[in-house]
Amino acid sequence: KAVVSTQSTGEICEASTYADQKLVADVCPGKNLCKFEKRELDPVEKGHVDVTFVNIQPCTPFFKQHLKVYDTDLVSDVIARLKRADRKLKSRSVELYRYVDPEKGPRQLLAFDQPMLWNKRRLTDTSQIQLCPEQGLKSGINQLGDTLCYVVS
């Protein structure tokens, strides 16, 4: 449901009651209109887990991020939430990776010249993330753990 509000007078019009946007402009002529729509990037009623996202590329200005990952999120939703949290990522391409071993993987020392060498697998943008009470986050049959990697290009 969309709500249209004018900035100068503070009037609020229900935009969903008007079928034509031209009619909305005719109701308040010459005034700025703001349109507010509800986005589902941060659903309130779903269960979530706090996940740490680590950029493993050396010499880049992207560091650790702590974000909530919700049940039945797609990887593309998580990437959009990550880009929204860090302004420098908005115009860049981001790929998410999981550790093969979610317990031991984040503890391994990275090779400086080849950070993607060991223990990482790419998550496809269309894969769905599920929240399991016993095992934590899963993508398909793979357990994700509480730390994921991201690469910026």
N, C-alpha and C. Protein backbone atom coordinates (compact mmCIF):
# COMPACT_ATOMS: atom_id res chain seq x y z
N LYS A 1 0.84 -1.17 0.00
CA LYS A 1 0.00 0.00 0.00
C LYS A 1 0.89 1.23 0.00
N ALA A 2 0.66 2.12 -0.89
CA ALA A 2 1.50 3.31 -1.03
C ALA A 2 0.77 4.52 -0.45
N VAL A 3 1.52 5.40 0.18
CA VAL A 3 0.99 6.63 0.74
C VAL A 3 1.72 7.79 0.09
N VAL A 4 0.97 8.79 -0.34
CA VAL A 4 1.57 9.97 -0.95
C VAL A 4 1.38 11.13 0.00
N SER A 5 2.44 11.86 0.26
CA SER A 5 2.41 12.98 1.20
C SER A 5 3.00 14.21 0.53
N THR A 6 2.44 15.36 0.82
CA THR A 6 3.02 16.60 0.30
C THR A 6 3.92 17.19 1.37
N GLN A 7 5.04 17.77 0.95
CA GLN A 7 6.01 18.28 1.91
C GLN A 7 5.60 19.62 2.49
N SER A 8 4.96 20.47 1.72
CA SER A 8 4.71 21.84 2.18
C SER A 8 3.55 21.92 3.15
N THR A 9 2.47 21.19 2.91
CA THR A 9 1.30 21.32 3.77
C THR A 9 1.13 20.15 4.71
N GLY A 10 1.80 19.04 4.46
CA GLY A 10 1.68 17.89 5.33
C GLY A 10 0.45 17.06 5.04
N GLU A 11 -0.25 17.28 3.93
CA GLU A 11 -1.42 16.49 3.58
C GLU A 11 -0.97 15.08 3.23
N ILE A 12 -1.81 14.12 3.53
CA ILE A 12 -1.53 12.74 3.18
C ILE A 12 -2.69 12.22 2.34
N CYS A 13 -2.38 11.67 1.18
CA CYS A 13 -3.37 11.10 0.28
C CYS A 13 -3.07 9.63 0.11
N GLU A 14 -4.07 8.79 0.09
CA GLU A 14 -3.88 7.38 -0.19
C GLU A 14 -3.74 7.21 -1.69
N ALA A 15 -2.54 6.88 -2.15
CA ALA A 15 -2.30 6.75 -3.58
C ALA A 15 -2.98 5.53 -4.16
N SER A 16 -3.25 4.53 -3.32
CA SER A 16 -3.88 3.33 -3.84
C SER A 16 -5.34 3.58 -4.20
N THR A 17 -5.94 4.66 -3.68
CA THR A 17 -7.33 4.95 -4.03
C THR A 17 -7.43 5.60 -5.40
N TYR A 18 -6.33 6.14 -5.91
CA TYR A 18 -6.33 6.75 -7.23
C TYR A 18 -5.70 5.77 -8.22
N ALA A 19 -6.45 5.46 -9.27
CA ALA A 19 -5.94 4.51 -10.26
C ALA A 19 -4.88 5.15 -11.14
N ASP A 20 -4.98 6.44 -11.36
CA ASP A 20 -4.07 7.13 -12.28
C ASP A 20 -3.18 8.08 -11.49
N GLN A 21 -1.87 8.06 -11.74
CA GLN A 21 -0.95 8.95 -11.04
C GLN A 21 -1.16 10.40 -11.45
N LYS A 22 -1.71 10.63 -12.64
CA LYS A 22 -2.02 12.00 -13.08
C LYS A 22 -3.09 12.61 -12.18
N LEU A 23 -4.01 11.78 -11.74
CA LEU A 23 -5.06 12.25 -10.85
C LEU A 23 -4.47 12.66 -9.49
N VAL A 24 -3.45 11.95 -9.02
CA VAL A 24 -2.78 12.32 -7.77
C VAL A 24 -2.12 13.69 -7.93
N ALA A 25 -1.51 13.95 -9.08
CA ALA A 25 -0.89 15.25 -9.33
C ALA A 25 -1.94 16.34 -9.46
N ASP A 26 -3.14 15.99 -9.93
CA ASP A 26 -4.21 16.98 -10.05
C ASP A 26 -4.80 17.35 -8.70
N VAL A 27 -4.75 16.44 -7.73
CA VAL A 27 -5.31 16.73 -6.40
C VAL A 27 -4.50 17.81 -5.70
N CYS A 28 -3.19 17.75 -5.80
CA CYS A 28 -2.30 18.73 -5.17
C CYS A 28 -1.42 19.34 -6.25
N PRO A 29 -1.92 20.26 -7.05
CA PRO A 29 -1.12 20.79 -8.16
C PRO A 29 0.02 21.68 -7.68
N GLY A 30 1.19 21.52 -8.31
CA GLY A 30 2.33 22.38 -8.04
C GLY A 30 3.04 22.10 -6.73
N LYS A 31 2.69 21.01 -6.05
CA LYS A 31 3.33 20.69 -4.78
C LYS A 31 4.14 19.41 -4.94
N ASN A 32 5.23 19.34 -4.20
CA ASN A 32 6.08 18.15 -4.25
C ASN A 32 5.36 16.98 -3.60
N LEU A 33 5.42 15.83 -4.24
CA LEU A 33 4.80 14.63 -3.71
C LEU A 33 5.87 13.61 -3.36
N CYS A 34 5.75 12.97 -2.22
CA CYS A 34 6.66 11.91 -1.80
C CYS A 34 5.86 10.62 -1.76
N LYS A 35 6.41 9.58 -2.32
CA LYS A 35 5.73 8.29 -2.34
C LYS A 35 6.50 7.33 -1.45
N PHE A 36 5.82 6.71 -0.48
CA PHE A 36 6.43 5.78 0.44
C PHE A 36 5.87 4.39 0.18
N GLU A 37 6.76 3.42 0.03
CA GLU A 37 6.35 2.04 -0.18
C GLU A 37 7.08 1.15 0.81
N LYS A 38 6.40 0.14 1.27
CA LYS A 38 7.00 -0.80 2.20
C LYS A 38 7.91 -1.75 1.44
N ARG A 39 9.14 -1.91 1.90
CA ARG A 39 10.08 -2.85 1.30
C ARG A 39 10.23 -4.05 2.21
N GLU A 40 10.41 -5.18 1.63
CA GLU A 40 10.51 -6.42 2.40
C GLU A 40 11.94 -6.87 2.63
N LEU A 41 12.92 -5.94 2.60
CA LEU A 41 14.30 -6.35 2.86
C LEU A 41 14.54 -6.69 4.32
N ASP A 42 13.80 -6.07 5.22
CA ASP A 42 13.92 -6.36 6.64
C ASP A 42 12.58 -6.81 7.20
N PRO A 43 12.17 -8.05 6.95
CA PRO A 43 10.87 -8.50 7.47
C PRO A 43 10.91 -8.63 8.98
N VAL A 44 9.87 -8.18 9.64
CA VAL A 44 9.85 -8.15 11.10
C VAL A 44 9.42 -9.48 11.69
N GLU A 45 8.48 -10.16 11.04
CA GLU A 45 7.88 -11.34 11.63
C GLU A 45 8.66 -12.63 11.39
N LYS A 46 9.71 -12.62 10.59
CA LYS A 46 10.48 -13.83 10.31
C LYS A 46 11.62 -13.98 11.32
N GLY A 47 12.01 -15.25 11.52
CA GLY A 47 13.16 -15.51 12.38
C GLY A 47 14.45 -15.10 11.69
N HIS A 48 15.44 -14.70 12.47
CA HIS A 48 16.70 -14.25 11.88
C HIS A 48 17.89 -14.70 12.71
N VAL A 49 19.07 -14.63 12.08
CA VAL A 49 20.34 -14.95 12.73
C VAL A 49 21.31 -13.84 12.38
N ASP A 50 22.11 -13.41 13.35
CA ASP A 50 23.15 -12.43 13.07
C ASP A 50 24.35 -13.13 12.45
N VAL A 51 24.76 -12.64 11.28
CA VAL A 51 25.85 -13.25 10.53
C VAL A 51 26.94 -12.21 10.32
N THR A 52 28.19 -12.64 10.40
CA THR A 52 29.33 -11.77 10.14
C THR A 52 29.78 -11.99 8.70
N PHE A 53 29.88 -10.90 7.95
CA PHE A 53 30.37 -10.95 6.58
C PHE A 53 31.77 -10.36 6.56
N VAL A 54 32.73 -11.12 6.07
CA VAL A 54 34.13 -10.71 6.08
C VAL A 54 34.61 -10.58 4.64
N ASN A 55 35.21 -9.43 4.33
CA ASN A 55 35.85 -9.27 3.03
C ASN A 55 37.26 -9.81 3.15
N ILE A 56 37.59 -10.79 2.31
CA ILE A 56 38.88 -11.45 2.42
C ILE A 56 39.90 -10.92 1.43
N GLN A 57 39.54 -9.87 0.69
CA GLN A 57 40.48 -9.30 -0.27
C GLN A 57 41.44 -8.35 0.45
N PRO A 58 42.73 -8.48 0.18
CA PRO A 58 43.69 -7.56 0.80
C PRO A 58 43.64 -6.18 0.13
N CYS A 59 43.98 -5.17 0.88
CA CYS A 59 44.13 -3.80 0.38
C CYS A 59 42.86 -3.24 -0.22
N THR A 60 41.72 -3.51 0.37
CA THR A 60 40.46 -2.92 -0.06
C THR A 60 39.82 -2.21 1.13
N PRO A 61 38.96 -1.21 0.88
CA PRO A 61 38.37 -0.47 1.99
C PRO A 61 37.12 -1.13 2.56
N PHE A 62 36.90 -2.42 2.29
CA PHE A 62 35.72 -3.10 2.78
C PHE A 62 36.14 -4.06 3.89
N PHE A 63 35.43 -4.01 5.00
CA PHE A 63 35.83 -4.76 6.17
C PHE A 63 34.71 -5.68 6.62
N LYS A 64 34.64 -5.96 7.89
CA LYS A 64 33.60 -6.81 8.46
C LYS A 64 32.27 -6.06 8.53
N GLN A 65 31.21 -6.79 8.29
CA GLN A 65 29.84 -6.29 8.45
C GLN A 65 29.07 -7.32 9.27
N HIS A 66 28.23 -6.85 10.17
CA HIS A 66 27.34 -7.72 10.94
C HIS A 66 25.92 -7.41 10.51
N LEU A 67 25.24 -8.40 9.91
CA LEU A 67 23.89 -8.21 9.40
C LEU A 67 22.99 -9.34 9.85
N LYS A 68 21.69 -9.09 9.81
CA LYS A 68 20.70 -10.12 10.10
C LYS A 68 20.34 -10.82 8.80
N VAL A 69 20.32 -12.14 8.84
CA VAL A 69 19.88 -12.95 7.72
C VAL A 69 18.59 -13.63 8.15
N TYR A 70 17.54 -13.42 7.38
CA TYR A 70 16.21 -13.91 7.73
C TYR A 70 15.93 -15.25 7.07
N ASP A 71 15.00 -15.98 7.66
CA ASP A 71 14.58 -17.26 7.12
C ASP A 71 13.97 -17.05 5.74
N THR A 72 14.26 -17.92 4.81
CA THR A 72 13.82 -17.92 3.41
C THR A 72 14.32 -16.71 2.62
N ASP A 73 15.42 -16.11 3.02
CA ASP A 73 16.07 -15.06 2.23
C ASP A 73 16.74 -15.70 1.02
N LEU A 74 16.78 -14.96 -0.07
CA LEU A 74 17.62 -15.35 -1.19
C LEU A 74 18.98 -14.70 -1.01
N VAL A 75 19.99 -15.24 -1.66
CA VAL A 75 21.33 -14.66 -1.58
C VAL A 75 21.31 -13.24 -2.15
N SER A 76 20.50 -12.99 -3.17
CA SER A 76 20.40 -11.64 -3.74
C SER A 76 19.81 -10.65 -2.73
N ASP A 77 18.90 -11.11 -1.84
CA ASP A 77 18.37 -10.24 -0.78
C ASP A 77 19.46 -9.87 0.22
N VAL A 78 20.30 -10.85 0.56
CA VAL A 78 21.38 -10.61 1.51
C VAL A 78 22.40 -9.64 0.91
N ILE A 79 22.70 -9.79 -0.39
CA ILE A 79 23.63 -8.88 -1.06
C ILE A 79 23.05 -7.47 -1.09
N ALA A 80 21.75 -7.34 -1.33
CA ALA A 80 21.11 -6.02 -1.33
C ALA A 80 21.17 -5.39 0.06
N ARG A 81 20.99 -6.19 1.11
CA ARG A 81 21.08 -5.68 2.48
C ARG A 81 22.51 -5.27 2.81
N LEU A 82 23.49 -6.02 2.30
CA LEU A 82 24.90 -5.69 2.51
C LEU A 82 25.27 -4.40 1.79
N LYS A 83 24.76 -4.21 0.58
CA LYS A 83 25.02 -2.97 -0.16
C LYS A 83 24.35 -1.78 0.50
N ARG A 84 23.20 -2.00 1.10
CA ARG A 84 22.50 -0.91 1.79
C ARG A 84 23.23 -0.50 3.07
N ALA A 85 23.92 -1.45 3.70
CA ALA A 85 24.64 -1.15 4.94
C ALA A 85 25.94 -0.40 4.70
N ASP A 86 26.58 -0.63 3.55
CA ASP A 86 27.86 0.02 3.24
C ASP A 86 27.72 0.79 1.94
N ARG A 87 27.81 2.10 2.00
CA ARG A 87 27.59 2.94 0.83
C ARG A 87 28.61 2.73 -0.28
N LYS A 88 29.82 2.31 0.08
CA LYS A 88 30.85 2.11 -0.93
C LYS A 88 30.56 0.90 -1.82
N LEU A 89 29.67 0.02 -1.40
CA LEU A 89 29.35 -1.18 -2.16
C LEU A 89 28.23 -0.98 -3.17
N LYS A 90 27.52 0.14 -3.12
CA LYS A 90 26.31 0.32 -3.93
C LYS A 90 26.54 0.14 -5.42
N SER A 91 27.62 0.66 -5.96
CA SER A 91 27.85 0.59 -7.40
C SER A 91 28.77 -0.56 -7.78
N ARG A 92 29.06 -1.45 -6.87
CA ARG A 92 30.00 -2.55 -7.13
C ARG A 92 29.26 -3.89 -7.22
N SER A 93 29.94 -4.85 -7.79
CA SER A 93 29.41 -6.21 -7.86
C SER A 93 29.92 -7.00 -6.65
N VAL A 94 29.02 -7.70 -5.97
CA VAL A 94 29.36 -8.42 -4.75
C VAL A 94 28.99 -9.89 -4.93
N GLU A 95 29.90 -10.77 -4.52
CA GLU A 95 29.64 -12.21 -4.54
C GLU A 95 29.83 -12.75 -3.13
N LEU A 96 28.94 -13.66 -2.71
CA LEU A 96 29.03 -14.28 -1.39
C LEU A 96 29.63 -15.67 -1.51
N TYR A 97 30.45 -16.01 -0.51
CA TYR A 97 31.08 -17.32 -0.45
C TYR A 97 30.84 -17.91 0.93
N ARG A 98 30.72 -19.23 0.97
CA ARG A 98 30.60 -19.94 2.25
C ARG A 98 31.87 -20.74 2.48
N TYR A 99 32.11 -21.08 3.72
CA TYR A 99 33.22 -21.97 4.05
C TYR A 99 32.76 -23.41 3.90
N VAL A 100 33.63 -24.28 3.41
CA VAL A 100 33.29 -25.70 3.30
C VAL A 100 33.06 -26.27 4.69
N ASP A 101 33.93 -25.94 5.62
CA ASP A 101 33.76 -26.33 7.02
C ASP A 101 33.39 -25.07 7.80
N PRO A 102 32.12 -24.91 8.18
CA PRO A 102 31.71 -23.64 8.83
C PRO A 102 32.33 -23.41 10.20
N GLU A 103 32.82 -24.47 10.87
CA GLU A 103 33.45 -24.28 12.18
C GLU A 103 34.93 -23.92 12.05
N LYS A 104 35.65 -24.66 11.24
CA LYS A 104 37.09 -24.46 11.12
C LYS A 104 37.47 -23.40 10.08
N GLY A 105 36.62 -23.17 9.09
CA GLY A 105 36.93 -22.29 7.98
C GLY A 105 37.32 -20.87 8.37
N PRO A 106 36.53 -20.17 9.20
CA PRO A 106 36.90 -18.80 9.55
C PRO A 106 38.16 -18.69 10.39
N ARG A 107 38.61 -19.80 10.96
CA ARG A 107 39.80 -19.76 11.82
C ARG A 107 41.10 -19.95 11.06
N GLN A 108 41.01 -20.35 9.78
CA GLN A 108 42.22 -20.59 9.02
C GLN A 108 42.90 -19.29 8.64
N LEU A 109 44.21 -19.32 8.59
CA LEU A 109 44.98 -18.17 8.17
C LEU A 109 44.94 -18.08 6.65
N LEU A 110 44.63 -16.89 6.13
CA LEU A 110 44.51 -16.70 4.69
C LEU A 110 45.87 -16.48 4.04
N ALA A 111 46.00 -16.97 2.82
CA ALA A 111 47.18 -16.66 2.02
C ALA A 111 46.98 -15.25 1.47
N PHE A 112 47.94 -14.36 1.70
CA PHE A 112 47.76 -12.95 1.33
C PHE A 112 47.58 -12.76 -0.18
N ASP A 113 48.36 -13.51 -0.98
CA ASP A 113 48.28 -13.31 -2.43
C ASP A 113 47.14 -14.09 -3.08
N GLN A 114 46.59 -15.12 -2.42
CA GLN A 114 45.48 -15.91 -2.95
C GLN A 114 44.45 -16.18 -1.84
N PRO A 115 43.62 -15.21 -1.50
CA PRO A 115 42.68 -15.42 -0.38
C PRO A 115 41.57 -16.41 -0.69
N MET A 116 41.29 -16.67 -1.97
CA MET A 116 40.22 -17.60 -2.33
C MET A 116 40.71 -19.03 -2.51
N LEU A 117 41.94 -19.31 -2.13
CA LEU A 117 42.57 -20.58 -2.45
C LEU A 117 41.90 -21.77 -1.75
N TRP A 118 41.67 -21.72 -0.46
CA TRP A 118 41.18 -22.87 0.28
C TRP A 118 39.79 -22.63 0.85
N ASN A 119 39.06 -23.71 0.93
CA ASN A 119 37.92 -23.80 1.83
C ASN A 119 36.77 -22.85 1.53
N LYS A 120 36.57 -22.38 0.31
CA LYS A 120 35.46 -21.46 0.03
C LYS A 120 34.70 -21.89 -1.21
N ARG A 121 33.38 -21.79 -1.15
CA ARG A 121 32.52 -22.12 -2.29
C ARG A 121 31.54 -20.97 -2.50
N ARG A 122 31.29 -20.63 -3.77
CA ARG A 122 30.42 -19.50 -4.10
C ARG A 122 28.96 -19.87 -3.90
N LEU A 123 28.18 -18.93 -3.37
CA LEU A 123 26.73 -19.07 -3.25
C LEU A 123 26.08 -18.39 -4.45
N THR A 124 25.21 -19.09 -5.15
CA THR A 124 24.54 -18.49 -6.30
C THR A 124 23.47 -17.51 -5.82
N ASP A 125 23.18 -16.51 -6.66
CA ASP A 125 22.23 -15.46 -6.27
C ASP A 125 20.81 -15.98 -6.08
N THR A 126 20.47 -17.08 -6.71
CA THR A 126 19.10 -17.59 -6.62
C THR A 126 18.92 -18.63 -5.52
N SER A 127 19.99 -19.01 -4.85
CA SER A 127 19.85 -20.02 -3.80
C SER A 127 19.19 -19.40 -2.57
N GLN A 128 18.36 -20.22 -1.93
CA GLN A 128 17.58 -19.76 -0.78
C GLN A 128 18.28 -20.17 0.51
N ILE A 129 18.25 -19.26 1.49
CA ILE A 129 18.85 -19.52 2.80
C ILE A 129 17.74 -19.87 3.78
N GLN A 130 17.91 -20.98 4.49
CA GLN A 130 16.90 -21.43 5.43
C GLN A 130 17.47 -21.43 6.84
N LEU A 131 16.62 -21.15 7.79
CA LEU A 131 17.01 -21.14 9.20
C LEU A 131 16.52 -22.42 9.85
N CYS A 132 17.44 -23.28 10.25
CA CYS A 132 17.10 -24.53 10.93
C CYS A 132 17.43 -24.38 12.41
N PRO A 133 16.51 -24.73 13.31
CA PRO A 133 16.78 -24.55 14.75
C PRO A 133 17.98 -25.35 15.25
N GLU A 134 18.19 -26.57 14.71
CA GLU A 134 19.28 -27.42 15.20
C GLU A 134 20.61 -27.09 14.55
N GLN A 135 20.60 -26.78 13.24
CA GLN A 135 21.85 -26.64 12.50
C GLN A 135 22.20 -25.21 12.13
N GLY A 136 21.36 -24.25 12.39
CA GLY A 136 21.63 -22.86 12.02
C GLY A 136 21.25 -22.60 10.58
N LEU A 137 22.00 -21.77 9.89
CA LEU A 137 21.70 -21.41 8.51
C LEU A 137 22.13 -22.51 7.55
N LYS A 138 21.26 -22.76 6.54
CA LYS A 138 21.58 -23.74 5.51
C LYS A 138 21.21 -23.15 4.15
N SER A 139 21.97 -23.54 3.15
CA SER A 139 21.64 -23.23 1.76
C SER A 139 21.65 -24.55 1.01
N GLY A 140 20.46 -25.06 0.71
CA GLY A 140 20.36 -26.40 0.14
C GLY A 140 20.74 -27.42 1.20
N ILE A 141 21.73 -28.26 0.91
CA ILE A 141 22.19 -29.24 1.90
C ILE A 141 23.40 -28.76 2.67
N ASN A 142 23.92 -27.58 2.31
CA ASN A 142 25.16 -27.07 2.90
C ASN A 142 24.88 -26.20 4.12
N GLN A 143 25.60 -26.47 5.19
CA GLN A 143 25.50 -25.64 6.39
C GLN A 143 26.38 -24.41 6.20
N LEU A 144 25.86 -23.21 6.58
CA LEU A 144 26.60 -21.97 6.32
C LEU A 144 27.41 -21.47 7.51
N GLY A 145 26.95 -21.70 8.72
CA GLY A 145 27.65 -21.20 9.89
C GLY A 145 27.29 -19.74 10.15
N ASP A 146 28.08 -19.08 10.99
CA ASP A 146 27.76 -17.69 11.35
C ASP A 146 28.72 -16.68 10.72
N THR A 147 29.60 -17.14 9.83
CA THR A 147 30.52 -16.25 9.13
C THR A 147 30.53 -16.60 7.64
N LEU A 148 30.33 -15.57 6.81
CA LEU A 148 30.39 -15.73 5.36
C LEU A 148 31.41 -14.76 4.81
N CYS A 149 31.94 -15.05 3.63
CA CYS A 149 32.90 -14.17 2.96
C CYS A 149 32.19 -13.45 1.83
N TYR A 150 32.68 -12.25 1.52
CA TYR A 150 32.21 -11.57 0.32
C TYR A 150 33.39 -10.98 -0.43
N VAL A 151 33.23 -10.95 -1.76
CA VAL A 151 34.26 -10.45 -2.64
C VAL A 151 33.65 -9.33 -3.47
N VAL A 152 34.36 -8.21 -3.58
CA VAL A 152 33.87 -7.04 -4.30
C VAL A 152 34.67 -6.90 -5.59
N SER A 153 33.97 -6.67 -6.69
CA SER A 153 34.67 -6.45 -7.95
C SER A 153 34.10 -5.23 -8.66
